[in-house]
Structure formats: structure tokens, C-alpha cells
């Protein structure tokens, strides 16, 4: 990769970042939206697939956060636009 192509890639990234910052609609189009992964104790497999998250990845993340040991303990859970999996209070 040449210095010129790296600079061009950097400029494109900056352009997208500024556009996403100024336009929520553009931001959702580029980054995607928040999606509910677990609600009422049930995994939403469609949203899991859209975000390329497997069941083991989900449980591993919830365990790493020190929140659960099994699915029966899971509160409603979302996949955030920035890539975090969070449990809702």
C-alpha cells in the first residue's frame, strides 16, 4: 500500500466520520442501529444473525461482565451501535 492510497483512505474515513456525526440518518445507515438480542428471556436469533453474534459469544460476553451464569438470569439485552452488548436495567 502506498502512502498516497493510505492518505486517500484516511480522507474517506474522515469524510464518513464527519457525515455520521452530523447526520443521525447517515450514521444509522453506515453503523447500523441498536438491536435487541434478548427480551423476555428469549434470544432474538434474527438480530443475532444480523450482528454476526453466536450464542456462545453472547453468553461469554454476559459472563465476562459478571452478570450471569445461565440464560435464566439474563435481563433484556441489546447490541449497541458501537459494538457493545449491554444488559438493560
PDB file of N, CA and C in Angstrom:
ATOM      1  N   UNK A   1       0.845  -1.171   0.000  1.00  0.00           N
ATOM      2  CA  UNK A   1       0.000   0.000   0.000  1.00  0.00           C
ATOM      3  C   UNK A   1       0.894   1.239   0.000  1.00  0.00           C
ATOM      4  N   UNK A   2       0.610   2.125  -0.866  1.00  0.00           N
ATOM      5  CA  UNK A   2       1.425   3.342  -0.974  1.00  0.00           C
ATOM      6  C   UNK A   2       0.944   4.401   0.011  1.00  0.00           C
ATOM      7  N   UNK A   3       1.797   5.384   0.229  1.00  0.00           N
ATOM      8  CA  UNK A   3       1.441   6.482   1.128  1.00  0.00           C
ATOM      9  C   UNK A   3       0.238   7.241   0.585  1.00  0.00           C
ATOM     10  N   UNK A   4       0.171   7.371  -0.732  1.00  0.00           N
ATOM     11  CA  UNK A   4      -0.950   8.092  -1.342  1.00  0.00           C
ATOM     12  C   UNK A   4      -2.278   7.375  -1.110  1.00  0.00           C
ATOM     13  N   UNK A   5      -2.289   6.049  -1.262  1.00  0.00           N
ATOM     14  CA  UNK A   5      -3.546   5.317  -1.055  1.00  0.00           C
ATOM     15  C   UNK A   5      -3.938   5.304   0.425  1.00  0.00           C
ATOM     16  N   UNK A   6      -2.944   5.271   1.325  1.00  0.00           N
ATOM     17  CA  UNK A   6      -3.262   5.353   2.757  1.00  0.00           C
ATOM     18  C   UNK A   6      -3.870   6.701   3.100  1.00  0.00           C
ATOM     19  N   UNK A   7      -3.319   7.761   2.511  1.00  0.00           N
ATOM     20  CA  UNK A   7      -3.836   9.101   2.753  1.00  0.00           C
ATOM     21  C   UNK A   7      -5.262   9.219   2.222  1.00  0.00           C
ATOM     22  N   UNK A   8      -5.515   8.658   1.049  1.00  0.00           N
ATOM     23  CA  UNK A   8      -6.856   8.698   0.462  1.00  0.00           C
ATOM     24  C   UNK A   8      -7.847   7.938   1.351  1.00  0.00           C
ATOM     25  N   UNK A   9      -7.424   6.779   1.862  1.00  0.00           N
ATOM     26  CA  UNK A   9      -8.281   6.008   2.762  1.00  0.00           C
ATOM     27  C   UNK A   9      -8.585   6.779   4.033  1.00  0.00           C
ATOM     28  N   UNK A  10      -7.591   7.494   4.534  1.00  0.00           N
ATOM     29  CA  UNK A  10      -7.773   8.315   5.727  1.00  0.00           C
ATOM     30  C   UNK A  10      -8.761   9.448   5.468  1.00  0.00           C
ATOM     31  N   UNK A  11      -8.670  10.032   4.288  1.00  0.00           N
ATOM     32  CA  UNK A  11      -9.579  11.120   3.932  1.00  0.00           C
ATOM     33  C   UNK A  11     -11.015  10.620   3.806  1.00  0.00           C
ATOM     34  N   UNK A  12     -11.195   9.440   3.229  1.00  0.00           N
ATOM     35  CA  UNK A  12     -12.534   8.857   3.095  1.00  0.00           C
ATOM     36  C   UNK A  12     -13.097   8.548   4.475  1.00  0.00           C
ATOM     37  N   UNK A  13     -12.264   7.978   5.349  1.00  0.00           N
ATOM     38  CA  UNK A  13     -12.709   7.675   6.715  1.00  0.00           C
ATOM     39  C   UNK A  13     -13.139   8.944   7.436  1.00  0.00           C
ATOM     40  N   UNK A  14     -12.349   9.998   7.303  1.00  0.00           N
ATOM     41  CA  UNK A  14     -12.675  11.270   7.947  1.00  0.00           C
ATOM     42  C   UNK A  14     -13.992  11.831   7.405  1.00  0.00           C
ATOM     43  N   UNK A  15     -14.189  11.740   6.090  1.00  0.00           N
ATOM     44  CA  UNK A  15     -15.429  12.215   5.469  1.00  0.00           C
ATOM     45  C   UNK A  15     -16.642  11.464   6.020  1.00  0.00           C
ATOM     46  N   UNK A  16     -16.539  10.140   6.114  1.00  0.00           N
ATOM     47  CA  UNK A  16     -17.638   9.341   6.663  1.00  0.00           C
ATOM     48  C   UNK A  16     -17.877   9.671   8.132  1.00  0.00           C
ATOM     49  N   UNK A  17     -16.798   9.863   8.895  1.00  0.00           N
ATOM     50  CA  UNK A  17     -16.931  10.183  10.320  1.00  0.00           C
ATOM     51  C   UNK A  17     -17.646  11.510  10.519  1.00  0.00           C
ATOM     52  N   UNK A  18     -17.284  12.507   9.738  1.00  0.00           N
ATOM     53  CA  UNK A  18     -17.932  13.823   9.857  1.00  0.00           C
ATOM     54  C   UNK A  18     -19.394  13.728   9.443  1.00  0.00           C
ATOM     55  N   UNK A  19     -19.671  13.023   8.343  1.00  0.00           N
ATOM     56  CA  UNK A  19     -21.054  12.876   7.881  1.00  0.00           C
ATOM     57  C   UNK A  19     -21.892  12.130   8.917  1.00  0.00           C
ATOM     58  N   UNK A  20     -21.335  11.083   9.527  1.00  0.00           N
ATOM     59  CA  UNK A  20     -22.061  10.327  10.547  1.00  0.00           C
ATOM     60  C   UNK A  20     -22.310  11.179  11.788  1.00  0.00           C
ATOM     61  N   UNK A  21     -21.353  12.022  12.139  1.00  0.00           N
ATOM     62  CA  UNK A  21     -21.511  12.896  13.296  1.00  0.00           C
ATOM     63  C   UNK A  21     -22.624  13.914  13.069  1.00  0.00           C
ATOM     64  N   UNK A  22     -22.713  14.438  11.853  1.00  0.00           N
ATOM     65  CA  UNK A  22     -23.687  15.490  11.555  1.00  0.00           C
ATOM     66  C   UNK A  22     -25.074  14.967  11.212  1.00  0.00           C
ATOM     67  N   UNK A  23     -25.172  13.728  10.776  1.00  0.00           N
ATOM     68  CA  UNK A  23     -26.459  13.192  10.339  1.00  0.00           C
ATOM     69  C   UNK A  23     -26.735  11.856  11.018  1.00  0.00           C
ATOM     70  N   UNK A  24     -27.739  11.829  11.877  1.00  0.00           N
ATOM     71  CA  UNK A  24     -28.102  10.587  12.543  1.00  0.00           C
ATOM     72  C   UNK A  24     -28.570   9.543  11.532  1.00  0.00           C
ATOM     73  N   UNK A  25     -29.257  10.000  10.500  1.00  0.00           N
ATOM     74  CA  UNK A  25     -29.738   9.078   9.463  1.00  0.00           C
ATOM     75  C   UNK A  25     -28.564   8.407   8.747  1.00  0.00           C
ATOM     76  N   UNK A  26     -27.559   9.201   8.369  1.00  0.00           N
ATOM     77  CA  UNK A  26     -26.371   8.645   7.712  1.00  0.00           C
ATOM     78  C   UNK A  26     -25.626   7.727   8.675  1.00  0.00           C
ATOM     79  N   UNK A  27     -25.544   8.113   9.935  1.00  0.00           N
ATOM     80  CA  UNK A  27     -24.870   7.307  10.941  1.00  0.00           C
ATOM     81  C   UNK A  27     -25.516   5.930  11.069  1.00  0.00           C
ATOM     82  N   UNK A  28     -26.849   5.894  11.122  1.00  0.00           N
ATOM     83  CA  UNK A  28     -27.551   4.607  11.202  1.00  0.00           C
ATOM     84  C   UNK A  28     -27.316   3.768   9.951  1.00  0.00           C
ATOM     85  N   UNK A  29     -27.241   4.422   8.791  1.00  0.00           N
ATOM     86  CA  UNK A  29     -27.027   3.704   7.548  1.00  0.00           C
ATOM     87  C   UNK A  29     -25.626   3.066   7.529  1.00  0.00           C
ATOM     88  N   UNK A  30     -24.618   3.793   7.998  1.00  0.00           N
ATOM     89  CA  UNK A  30     -23.243   3.310   7.961  1.00  0.00           C
ATOM     90  C   UNK A  30     -22.948   2.354   9.113  1.00  0.00           C
ATOM     91  N   UNK A  31     -23.347   2.733  10.317  1.00  0.00           N
ATOM     92  CA  UNK A  31     -23.013   1.951  11.509  1.00  0.00           C
ATOM     93  C   UNK A  31     -24.075   0.931  11.888  1.00  0.00           C
ATOM     94  N   UNK A  32     -25.273   1.096  11.371  1.00  0.00           N
ATOM     95  CA  UNK A  32     -26.362   0.227  11.791  1.00  0.00           C
ATOM     96  C   UNK A  32     -27.019   0.778  13.030  1.00  0.00           C
ATOM     97  N   UNK A  33     -28.091   0.149  13.431  1.00  0.00           N
ATOM     98  CA  UNK A  33     -28.814   0.610  14.602  1.00  0.00           C
ATOM     99  C   UNK A  33     -28.644  -0.337  15.769  1.00  0.00           C
ATOM    100  N   UNK A  34     -29.206   0.037  16.887  1.00  0.00           N
ATOM    101  CA  UNK A  34     -29.202  -0.818  18.058  1.00  0.00           C
ATOM    102  C   UNK A  34     -30.236  -1.909  17.847  1.00  0.00           C
ATOM    103  N   UNK A  35     -29.931  -3.111  18.312  1.00  0.00           N
ATOM    104  CA  UNK A  35     -30.857  -4.222  18.147  1.00  0.00           C
ATOM    105  C   UNK A  35     -30.993  -4.977  19.456  1.00  0.00           C
ATOM    106  N   UNK A  36     -32.217  -5.360  19.766  1.00  0.00           N
ATOM    107  CA  UNK A  36     -32.472  -6.159  20.959  1.00  0.00           C
ATOM    108  C   UNK A  36     -32.069  -7.597  20.679  1.00  0.00           C
ATOM    109  N   UNK A  37     -31.236  -8.167  21.552  1.00  0.00           N
ATOM    110  CA  UNK A  37     -30.778  -9.536  21.394  1.00  0.00           C
ATOM    111  C   UNK A  37     -31.563 -10.504  22.265  1.00  0.00           C
ATOM    112  N   UNK A  38     -31.929 -10.044  23.470  1.00  0.00           N
ATOM    113  CA  UNK A  38     -32.690 -10.882  24.398  1.00  0.00           C
ATOM    114  C   UNK A  38     -33.810 -10.049  24.980  1.00  0.00           C
ATOM    115  N   UNK A  39     -35.014 -10.607  24.941  1.00  0.00           N
ATOM    116  CA  UNK A  39     -36.158  -9.941  25.548  1.00  0.00           C
ATOM    117  C   UNK A  39     -37.091 -11.002  26.097  1.00  0.00           C
ATOM    118  N   UNK A  40     -37.588 -10.783  27.296  1.00  0.00           N
ATOM    119  CA  UNK A  40     -38.460 -11.744  27.983  1.00  0.00           C
ATOM    120  C   UNK A  40     -37.806 -13.124  28.064  1.00  0.00           C
ATOM    121  N   UNK A  41     -36.485 -13.139  28.260  1.00  0.00           N
ATOM    122  CA  UNK A  41     -35.756 -14.397  28.402  1.00  0.00           C
ATOM    123  C   UNK A  41     -35.541 -15.168  27.111  1.00  0.00           C
ATOM    124  N   UNK A  42     -35.936 -14.607  25.975  1.00  0.00           N
ATOM    125  CA  UNK A  42     -35.812 -15.290  24.687  1.00  0.00           C
ATOM    126  C   UNK A  42     -34.773 -14.598  23.810  1.00  0.00           C
ATOM    127  N   UNK A  43     -33.899 -15.384  23.196  1.00  0.00           N
ATOM    128  CA  UNK A  43     -32.900 -14.840  22.279  1.00  0.00           C
ATOM    129  C   UNK A  43     -33.576 -14.532  20.951  1.00  0.00           C
ATOM    130  N   UNK A  44     -33.315 -13.350  20.426  1.00  0.00           N
ATOM    131  CA  UNK A  44     -33.811 -12.963  19.110  1.00  0.00           C
ATOM    132  C   UNK A  44     -32.730 -13.369  18.101  1.00  0.00           C
ATOM    133  N   UNK A  45     -32.876 -14.571  17.538  1.00  0.00           N
ATOM    134  CA  UNK A  45     -31.854 -15.127  16.656  1.00  0.00           C
ATOM    135  C   UNK A  45     -31.711 -14.330  15.365  1.00  0.00           C
ATOM    136  N   UNK A  46     -32.773 -13.723  14.903  1.00  0.00           N
ATOM    137  CA  UNK A  46     -32.695 -12.907  13.686  1.00  0.00           C
ATOM    138  C   UNK A  46     -31.724 -11.738  13.892  1.00  0.00           C
ATOM    139  N   UNK A  47     -31.870 -11.039  15.019  1.00  0.00           N
ATOM    140  CA  UNK A  47     -30.968  -9.922  15.319  1.00  0.00           C
ATOM    141  C   UNK A  47     -29.554 -10.407  15.618  1.00  0.00           C
ATOM    142  N   UNK A  48     -29.436 -11.593  16.217  1.00  0.00           N
ATOM    143  CA  UNK A  48     -28.109 -12.165  16.468  1.00  0.00           C
ATOM    144  C   UNK A  48     -27.398 -12.404  15.133  1.00  0.00           C
ATOM    145  N   UNK A  49     -28.112 -12.955  14.166  1.00  0.00           N
ATOM    146  CA  UNK A  49     -27.520 -13.211  12.845  1.00  0.00           C
ATOM    147  C   UNK A  49     -27.160 -11.916  12.139  1.00  0.00           C
ATOM    148  N   UNK A  50     -28.033 -10.910  12.219  1.00  0.00           N
ATOM    149  CA  UNK A  50     -27.751  -9.622  11.573  1.00  0.00           C
ATOM    150  C   UNK A  50     -26.470  -8.992  12.112  1.00  0.00           C
ATOM    151  N   UNK A  51     -26.153  -9.261  13.373  1.00  0.00           N
ATOM    152  CA  UNK A  51     -24.964  -8.691  14.004  1.00  0.00           C
ATOM    153  C   UNK A  51     -23.797  -9.673  14.047  1.00  0.00           C
ATOM    154  N   UNK A  52     -23.970 -10.854  13.439  1.00  0.00           N
ATOM    155  CA  UNK A  52     -22.920 -11.874  13.385  1.00  0.00           C
ATOM    156  C   UNK A  52     -22.443 -12.259  14.781  1.00  0.00           C
ATOM    157  N   UNK A  53     -23.403 -12.506  15.671  1.00  0.00           N
ATOM    158  CA  UNK A  53     -23.093 -12.895  17.044  1.00  0.00           C
ATOM    159  C   UNK A  53     -23.657 -14.291  17.273  1.00  0.00           C
ATOM    160  N   UNK A  54     -22.821 -15.190  17.762  1.00  0.00           N
ATOM    161  CA  UNK A  54     -23.259 -16.539  18.093  1.00  0.00           C
ATOM    162  C   UNK A  54     -23.715 -16.624  19.537  1.00  0.00           C
ATOM    163  N   UNK A  55     -24.433 -17.669  19.873  1.00  0.00           N
ATOM    164  CA  UNK A  55     -24.928 -17.856  21.232  1.00  0.00           C
ATOM    165  C   UNK A  55     -23.804 -17.910  22.254  1.00  0.00           C
ATOM    166  N   UNK A  56     -22.710 -18.603  21.914  1.00  0.00           N
ATOM    167  CA  UNK A  56     -21.573 -18.687  22.843  1.00  0.00           C
ATOM    168  C   UNK A  56     -20.921 -17.321  23.031  1.00  0.00           C
ATOM    169  N   UNK A  57     -20.871 -16.521  21.967  1.00  0.00           N
ATOM    170  CA  UNK A  57     -20.318 -15.159  22.081  1.00  0.00           C
ATOM    171  C   UNK A  57     -21.161 -14.317  23.032  1.00  0.00           C
ATOM    172  N   UNK A  58     -22.466 -14.434  22.909  1.00  0.00           N
ATOM    173  CA  UNK A  58     -23.373 -13.659  23.753  1.00  0.00           C
ATOM    174  C   UNK A  58     -23.205 -14.049  25.219  1.00  0.00           C
ATOM    175  N   UNK A  59     -23.277 -15.338  25.503  1.00  0.00           N
ATOM    176  CA  UNK A  59     -23.147 -15.804  26.893  1.00  0.00           C
ATOM    177  C   UNK A  59     -21.763 -15.465  27.439  1.00  0.00           C
ATOM    178  N   UNK A  60     -20.725 -15.629  26.611  1.00  0.00           N
ATOM    179  CA  UNK A  60     -19.369 -15.290  27.049  1.00  0.00           C
ATOM    180  C   UNK A  60     -19.252 -13.822  27.438  1.00  0.00           C
ATOM    181  N   UNK A  61     -19.852 -12.952  26.645  1.00  0.00           N
ATOM    182  CA  UNK A  61     -19.812 -11.515  26.954  1.00  0.00           C
ATOM    183  C   UNK A  61     -20.565 -11.220  28.240  1.00  0.00           C
ATOM    184  N   UNK A  62     -21.730 -11.825  28.408  1.00  0.00           N
ATOM    185  CA  UNK A  62     -22.509 -11.591  29.626  1.00  0.00           C
ATOM    186  C   UNK A  62     -21.773 -12.128  30.852  1.00  0.00           C
ATOM    187  N   UNK A  63     -21.127 -13.281  30.726  1.00  0.00           N
ATOM    188  CA  UNK A  63     -20.341 -13.820  31.843  1.00  0.00           C
ATOM    189  C   UNK A  63     -19.148 -12.927  32.154  1.00  0.00           C
ATOM    190  N   UNK A  64     -18.478 -12.434  31.107  1.00  0.00           N
ATOM    191  CA  UNK A  64     -17.305 -11.571  31.306  1.00  0.00           C
ATOM    192  C   UNK A  64     -17.677 -10.302  32.058  1.00  0.00           C
ATOM    193  N   UNK A  65     -18.904  -9.847  31.858  1.00  0.00           N
ATOM    194  CA  UNK A  65     -19.378  -8.668  32.583  1.00  0.00           C
ATOM    195  C   UNK A  65     -19.786  -9.018  34.007  1.00  0.00           C
ATOM    196  N   UNK A  66     -19.700 -10.306  34.367  1.00  0.00           N
ATOM    197  CA  UNK A  66     -20.017 -10.741  35.724  1.00  0.00           C
ATOM    198  C   UNK A  66     -21.495 -10.722  36.045  1.00  0.00           C
ATOM    199  N   UNK A  67     -22.316 -10.787  35.026  1.00  0.00           N
ATOM    200  CA  UNK A  67     -23.749 -10.628  35.247  1.00  0.00           C
ATOM    201  C   UNK A  67     -24.508 -11.948  35.350  1.00  0.00           C
ATOM    202  N   UNK A  68     -24.120 -12.964  34.591  1.00  0.00           N
ATOM    203  CA  UNK A  68     -24.935 -14.176  34.522  1.00  0.00           C
ATOM    204  C   UNK A  68     -24.075 -15.427  34.492  1.00  0.00           C
ATOM    205  N   UNK A  69     -24.694 -16.521  34.865  1.00  0.00           N
ATOM    206  CA  UNK A  69     -24.080 -17.839  34.696  1.00  0.00           C
ATOM    207  C   UNK A  69     -24.919 -18.697  33.752  1.00  0.00           C
ATOM    208  N   UNK A  70     -26.157 -18.290  33.497  1.00  0.00           N
ATOM    209  CA  UNK A  70     -27.025 -19.028  32.583  1.00  0.00           C
ATOM    210  C   UNK A  70     -28.115 -18.146  32.012  1.00  0.00           C
ATOM    211  N   UNK A  71     -28.802 -18.656  31.001  1.00  0.00           N
ATOM    212  CA  UNK A  71     -29.824 -17.869  30.314  1.00  0.00           C
ATOM    213  C   UNK A  71     -31.001 -17.496  31.213  1.00  0.00           C
ATOM    214  N   UNK A  72     -31.276 -18.274  32.234  1.00  0.00           N
ATOM    215  CA  UNK A  72     -32.414 -17.982  33.107  1.00  0.00           C
ATOM    216  C   UNK A  72     -32.212 -16.701  33.912  1.00  0.00           C
ATOM    217  N   UNK A  73     -30.980 -16.180  33.964  1.00  0.00           N
ATOM    218  CA  UNK A  73     -30.666 -14.971  34.730  1.00  0.00           C
ATOM    219  C   UNK A  73     -30.578 -13.723  33.872  1.00  0.00           C
ATOM    220  N   UNK A  74     -30.758 -13.851  32.571  1.00  0.00           N
ATOM    221  CA  UNK A  74     -30.498 -12.737  31.661  1.00  0.00           C
ATOM    222  C   UNK A  74     -31.653 -11.752  31.624  1.00  0.00           C
ATOM    223  N   UNK A  75     -31.309 -10.466  31.765  1.00  0.00           N
ATOM    224  CA  UNK A  75     -32.275  -9.381  31.586  1.00  0.00           C
ATOM    225  C   UNK A  75     -32.289  -9.013  30.107  1.00  0.00           C
ATOM    226  N   UNK A  76     -33.225  -8.154  29.683  1.00  0.00           N
ATOM    227  CA  UNK A  76     -33.214  -7.705  28.286  1.00  0.00           C
ATOM    228  C   UNK A  76     -31.824  -7.172  27.909  1.00  0.00           C
ATOM    229  N   UNK A  77     -31.363  -7.567  26.733  1.00  0.00           N
ATOM    230  CA  UNK A  77     -30.002  -7.276  26.300  1.00  0.00           C
ATOM    231  C   UNK A  77     -30.018  -6.700  24.901  1.00  0.00           C
ATOM    232  N   UNK A  78     -29.166  -5.688  24.669  1.00  0.00           N
ATOM    233  CA  UNK A  78     -29.098  -5.015  23.359  1.00  0.00           C
ATOM    234  C   UNK A  78     -27.683  -5.031  22.813  1.00  0.00           C
ATOM    235  N   UNK A  79     -27.605  -4.991  21.488  1.00  0.00           N
ATOM    236  CA  UNK A  79     -26.348  -4.782  20.781  1.00  0.00           C
ATOM    237  C   UNK A  79     -26.316  -3.315  20.397  1.00  0.00           C
ATOM    238  N   UNK A  80     -25.354  -2.563  20.929  1.00  0.00           N
ATOM    239  CA  UNK A  80     -25.254  -1.131  20.678  1.00  0.00           C
ATOM    240  C   UNK A  80     -24.531  -0.861  19.361  1.00  0.00           C
ATOM    241  N   UNK A  81     -24.742   0.330  18.804  1.00  0.00           N
ATOM    242  CA  UNK A  81     -24.121   0.699  17.529  1.00  0.00           C
ATOM    243  C   UNK A  81     -22.607   0.653  17.574  1.00  0.00           C
ATOM    244  N   UNK A  82     -22.026   0.936  18.714  1.00  0.00           N
ATOM    245  CA  UNK A  82     -20.560   0.931  18.796  1.00  0.00           C
ATOM    246  C   UNK A  82     -19.985  -0.458  19.012  1.00  0.00           C
ATOM    247  N   UNK A  83     -20.859  -1.480  19.089  1.00  0.00           N
ATOM    248  CA  UNK A  83     -20.408  -2.859  19.158  1.00  0.00           C
ATOM    249  C   UNK A  83     -20.477  -3.503  20.520  1.00  0.00           C
ATOM    250  N   UNK A  84     -20.956  -2.796  21.524  1.00  0.00           N
ATOM    251  CA  UNK A  84     -21.064  -3.347  22.868  1.00  0.00           C
ATOM    252  C   UNK A  84     -22.361  -4.110  23.041  1.00  0.00           C
ATOM    253  N   UNK A  85     -22.314  -5.164  23.862  1.00  0.00           N
ATOM    254  CA  UNK A  85     -23.511  -5.897  24.270  1.00  0.00           C
ATOM    255  C   UNK A  85     -23.796  -5.488  25.700  1.00  0.00           C
ATOM    256  N   UNK A  86     -24.991  -4.927  25.937  1.00  0.00           N
ATOM    257  CA  UNK A  86     -25.312  -4.452  27.283  1.00  0.00           C
ATOM    258  C   UNK A  86     -26.643  -5.022  27.751  1.00  0.00           C
ATOM    259  N   UNK A  87     -26.729  -5.241  29.046  1.00  0.00           N
ATOM    260  CA  UNK A  87     -27.985  -5.634  29.666  1.00  0.00           C
ATOM    261  C   UNK A  87     -28.713  -4.369  30.101  1.00  0.00           C
ATOM    262  N   UNK A  88     -30.000  -4.337  29.855  1.00  0.00           N
ATOM    263  CA  UNK A  88     -30.805  -3.187  30.260  1.00  0.00           C
ATOM    264  C   UNK A  88     -31.278  -3.419  31.695  1.00  0.00           C
ATOM    265  N   UNK A  89     -31.364  -2.364  32.448  1.00  0.00           N
ATOM    266  CA  UNK A  89     -31.798  -2.483  33.852  1.00  0.00           C
ATOM    267  C   UNK A  89     -33.275  -2.751  33.956  1.00  0.00           C
TER     268      UNK A  89
END
